[in-house]
N, C-alpha and C. Protein backbone atom coordinates (compact mmCIF):
# COMPACT_ATOMS: atom_id res chain seq x y z
N MET A 1 42.58 -24.95 -45.22
CA MET A 1 43.52 -23.49 -45.05
C MET A 1 45.03 -24.19 -44.96
N HIS A 2 44.93 -25.29 -44.27
CA HIS A 2 46.53 -26.01 -44.21
C HIS A 2 47.48 -26.03 -44.66
N SER A 3 46.58 -26.44 -45.89
CA SER A 3 47.00 -26.83 -47.48
C SER A 3 47.88 -25.99 -48.69
N ILE A 4 46.92 -24.24 -47.88
CA ILE A 4 47.38 -23.26 -48.42
C ILE A 4 48.45 -22.80 -47.88
N LYS A 5 48.87 -22.92 -46.68
CA LYS A 5 49.71 -21.71 -45.67
C LYS A 5 50.94 -22.75 -46.31
N SER A 6 50.85 -23.88 -46.30
CA SER A 6 51.48 -25.52 -46.44
C SER A 6 52.48 -25.11 -47.57
N TYR A 7 51.50 -24.81 -49.31
CA TYR A 7 51.67 -24.50 -50.28
C TYR A 7 52.35 -23.02 -50.34
N THR A 8 52.75 -21.87 -49.83
CA THR A 8 52.83 -20.84 -50.26
C THR A 8 54.23 -20.82 -48.99
N ALA A 9 53.70 -21.42 -48.21
CA ALA A 9 55.42 -21.29 -47.60
C ALA A 9 56.48 -22.09 -47.94
N HIS A 10 56.09 -23.34 -48.68
CA HIS A 10 56.42 -23.45 -49.22
C HIS A 10 57.31 -22.35 -50.38
N GLU A 11 56.52 -22.23 -51.49
CA GLU A 11 57.19 -21.74 -52.22
C GLU A 11 57.82 -19.57 -51.45
N ILE A 12 57.32 -19.20 -50.75
CA ILE A 12 58.17 -18.00 -49.99
C ILE A 12 59.25 -18.95 -49.98
N ASN A 13 59.07 -19.82 -49.10
CA ASN A 13 61.12 -20.14 -48.51
C ASN A 13 62.29 -20.01 -49.31
N LYS A 14 61.76 -21.21 -50.56
CA LYS A 14 62.26 -20.87 -51.91
C LYS A 14 62.33 -20.10 -52.52
N ALA A 15 61.31 -19.48 -52.46
CA ALA A 15 61.98 -17.43 -53.73
C ALA A 15 62.86 -17.33 -52.42
N GLU A 16 62.80 -17.14 -51.15
CA GLU A 16 63.46 -16.38 -50.91
C GLU A 16 65.31 -16.78 -50.05
N GLN A 17 64.94 -18.05 -50.35
CA GLN A 17 65.88 -18.76 -50.21
C GLN A 17 66.71 -19.22 -48.67
N ARG A 18 65.47 -19.31 -48.16
CA ARG A 18 65.58 -19.90 -46.64
C ARG A 18 64.16 -20.44 -46.53
N SER A 19 64.44 -20.97 -45.05
CA SER A 19 64.21 -22.13 -44.24
C SER A 19 63.69 -21.69 -42.97
N GLY A 20 62.25 -22.03 -42.91
CA GLY A 20 61.42 -21.81 -41.21
C GLY A 20 60.34 -21.36 -42.28
N LYS A 21 60.09 -21.02 -40.25
CA LYS A 21 58.05 -20.76 -40.02
C LYS A 21 57.89 -19.34 -40.93
N VAL A 22 56.96 -19.49 -42.16
CA VAL A 22 56.33 -18.50 -42.97
C VAL A 22 55.49 -17.80 -41.88
N TRP A 23 54.07 -19.08 -40.99
CA TRP A 23 52.86 -18.00 -40.78
C TRP A 23 52.91 -17.87 -39.36
N GLN A 24 52.66 -17.37 -38.68
CA GLN A 24 51.91 -17.92 -37.90
C GLN A 24 51.05 -19.28 -37.29
N ASP A 25 50.96 -19.60 -35.61
CA ASP A 25 49.86 -20.11 -35.76
C ASP A 25 49.19 -19.13 -35.19
N GLU A 26 47.92 -19.80 -36.11
CA GLU A 26 46.44 -19.14 -35.60
C GLU A 26 45.14 -19.41 -34.55
N SER A 27 45.25 -17.96 -33.76
CA SER A 27 44.16 -18.47 -32.56
C SER A 27 43.23 -18.46 -32.80
N HIS A 28 42.52 -18.04 -34.57
CA HIS A 28 41.00 -17.95 -34.31
C HIS A 28 40.48 -17.66 -35.79
N ASP A 29 40.18 -17.76 -36.61
CA ASP A 29 39.36 -16.77 -38.16
C ASP A 29 38.62 -16.30 -38.24
N ARG A 30 38.84 -14.89 -39.37
CA ARG A 30 37.70 -14.45 -38.93
C ARG A 30 36.63 -14.00 -40.24
N LEU A 31 35.62 -13.87 -39.98
CA LEU A 31 34.88 -14.32 -41.42
C LEU A 31 34.48 -13.02 -41.71
N ILE A 32 34.65 -12.44 -43.65
CA ILE A 32 34.59 -10.39 -43.49
C ILE A 32 33.48 -10.93 -44.22
N ARG A 33 32.16 -9.69 -43.81
CA ARG A 33 31.08 -10.11 -44.60
C ARG A 33 30.22 -9.15 -45.66
N ASN A 34 31.18 -8.24 -45.48
CA ASN A 34 30.63 -7.12 -46.94
C ASN A 34 32.15 -6.66 -47.54
N GLU A 35 31.68 -5.89 -48.41
CA GLU A 35 33.25 -4.77 -48.75
C GLU A 35 33.55 -3.89 -47.75
N LYS A 36 32.27 -2.92 -47.43
CA LYS A 36 32.94 -2.24 -45.81
C LYS A 36 33.63 -3.06 -44.73
N GLU A 37 33.76 -4.27 -44.12
CA GLU A 37 34.56 -4.95 -43.12
C GLU A 37 35.93 -5.54 -44.26
N LEU A 38 35.98 -5.51 -45.71
CA LEU A 38 36.99 -6.01 -46.35
C LEU A 38 38.07 -4.56 -46.39
N ARG A 39 38.23 -3.24 -47.19
CA ARG A 39 38.49 -2.40 -46.80
C ARG A 39 38.75 -1.88 -45.26
N GLU A 40 38.15 -1.95 -44.56
CA GLU A 40 39.00 -2.45 -43.23
C GLU A 40 39.89 -3.15 -42.73
N LYS A 41 39.90 -4.04 -43.43
CA LYS A 41 41.10 -4.82 -42.86
C LYS A 41 42.26 -4.82 -43.83
N LEU A 42 41.79 -5.15 -44.73
CA LEU A 42 43.22 -5.11 -46.06
C LEU A 42 44.07 -4.07 -45.16
N PRO A 43 43.90 -2.92 -45.59
CA PRO A 43 45.41 -1.56 -44.68
C PRO A 43 46.22 -2.88 -43.51
N TYR A 44 45.67 -4.11 -42.79
CA TYR A 44 46.01 -4.19 -41.23
C TYR A 44 47.48 -5.42 -42.75
N THR A 45 46.27 -6.32 -43.15
CA THR A 45 47.28 -7.33 -43.80
C THR A 45 47.74 -7.39 -44.89
N ALA A 46 47.74 -6.16 -45.35
CA ALA A 46 49.15 -5.73 -46.46
C ALA A 46 50.01 -4.88 -45.72
N ASN A 47 49.70 -3.68 -44.80
CA ASN A 47 51.30 -3.46 -43.84
C ASN A 47 51.56 -4.95 -42.68
N ASN A 48 51.24 -5.88 -42.64
CA ASN A 48 51.95 -7.03 -42.06
C ASN A 48 53.35 -7.61 -42.91
N PRO A 49 53.83 -7.30 -43.89
CA PRO A 49 54.52 -7.80 -44.21
C PRO A 49 55.83 -6.65 -44.23
N ILE A 50 55.49 -4.99 -44.42
CA ILE A 50 56.24 -4.24 -43.87
C ILE A 50 56.66 -3.70 -42.31
N LYS A 51 55.95 -4.42 -41.20
CA LYS A 51 55.83 -4.56 -39.59
C LYS A 51 56.79 -5.40 -39.21
N SER A 52 56.93 -6.49 -39.97
CA SER A 52 57.46 -7.33 -40.29
C SER A 52 59.00 -7.80 -40.48
N LYS A 53 59.25 -6.97 -41.19
CA LYS A 53 60.65 -6.23 -42.06
C LYS A 53 60.87 -7.31 -42.96
N LEU A 54 59.80 -8.11 -43.62
CA LEU A 54 59.66 -8.46 -44.59
C LEU A 54 59.99 -7.57 -46.23
N ALA A 55 59.66 -6.80 -45.95
CA ALA A 55 59.97 -5.70 -46.84
C ALA A 55 60.21 -4.02 -46.54
N GLU A 56 60.38 -3.69 -47.69
CA GLU A 56 60.27 -2.12 -46.69
C GLU A 56 59.21 -1.09 -47.23
N THR A 57 58.97 -1.39 -48.65
CA THR A 57 57.97 -0.89 -49.08
C THR A 57 56.93 -2.30 -49.26
N HIS A 58 55.31 -1.37 -50.04
CA HIS A 58 54.10 -3.16 -50.50
C HIS A 58 54.79 -3.65 -51.52
N ALA A 59 55.63 -2.58 -52.79
CA ALA A 59 55.79 -2.75 -53.88
C ALA A 59 56.82 -4.29 -54.05
N ASP A 60 57.78 -3.75 -52.88
CA ASP A 60 59.07 -5.05 -52.31
C ASP A 60 58.71 -5.88 -52.01
N TYR A 61 56.97 -6.39 -51.50
CA TYR A 61 56.30 -7.59 -51.44
C TYR A 61 55.52 -8.45 -52.29
N GLU A 62 56.59 -9.34 -53.34
CA GLU A 62 56.08 -10.04 -54.72
C GLU A 62 54.84 -10.70 -53.86
N TRP A 63 54.40 -10.95 -52.86
CA TRP A 63 53.31 -11.71 -52.52
C TRP A 63 52.64 -11.12 -52.61
N LEU A 64 51.75 -9.73 -52.24
CA LEU A 64 51.34 -9.15 -51.67
C LEU A 64 50.26 -8.33 -52.59
N TYR A 65 49.49 -9.32 -52.85
CA TYR A 65 47.79 -9.33 -54.33
C TYR A 65 47.20 -8.12 -54.21
N VAL A 66 47.60 -7.20 -53.64
CA VAL A 66 46.28 -5.24 -53.42
C VAL A 66 47.18 -4.53 -53.78
N LYS A 67 48.50 -4.78 -54.39
CA LYS A 67 49.29 -3.72 -54.40
C LYS A 67 49.00 -2.56 -55.18
N GLY A 68 47.31 -2.87 -56.07
CA GLY A 68 46.83 -2.20 -57.14
C GLY A 68 45.88 -0.21 -55.90
N TRP A 69 45.40 -2.16 -55.47
CA TRP A 69 44.46 -0.91 -53.98
C TRP A 69 44.72 -0.12 -53.42
N ILE A 70 46.20 -0.35 -52.78
CA ILE A 70 46.95 0.06 -51.94
C ILE A 70 47.00 1.36 -52.55
N GLU A 71 47.73 1.02 -53.81
CA GLU A 71 48.27 2.90 -54.97
C GLU A 71 47.40 3.66 -55.19
N ARG A 72 46.21 2.96 -55.20
CA ARG A 72 45.14 4.09 -55.27
C ARG A 72 44.05 4.81 -54.53
N GLY A 73 44.84 4.41 -53.11
CA GLY A 73 44.10 4.99 -51.57
C GLY A 73 42.89 3.64 -51.05
N GLY A 74 43.04 2.72 -51.99
CA GLY A 74 42.30 1.60 -51.06
C GLY A 74 40.69 1.65 -51.30
């Protein structure tokens, strides 16, 4: 997981022309076991960039990989 976070943090900072911490320290991981749990957790994850003021809307956040899913209502 470290290499994914390191790579994406570097790319996000480069794209945003900024530096510094992108990811919070992890306290625990959560395994998603089925599609029902995935549908429960995706809205929370998708809204994080908006809550943290990295974007005003989902469409504004290029790193969000579930835009189509959100636009279709989940």
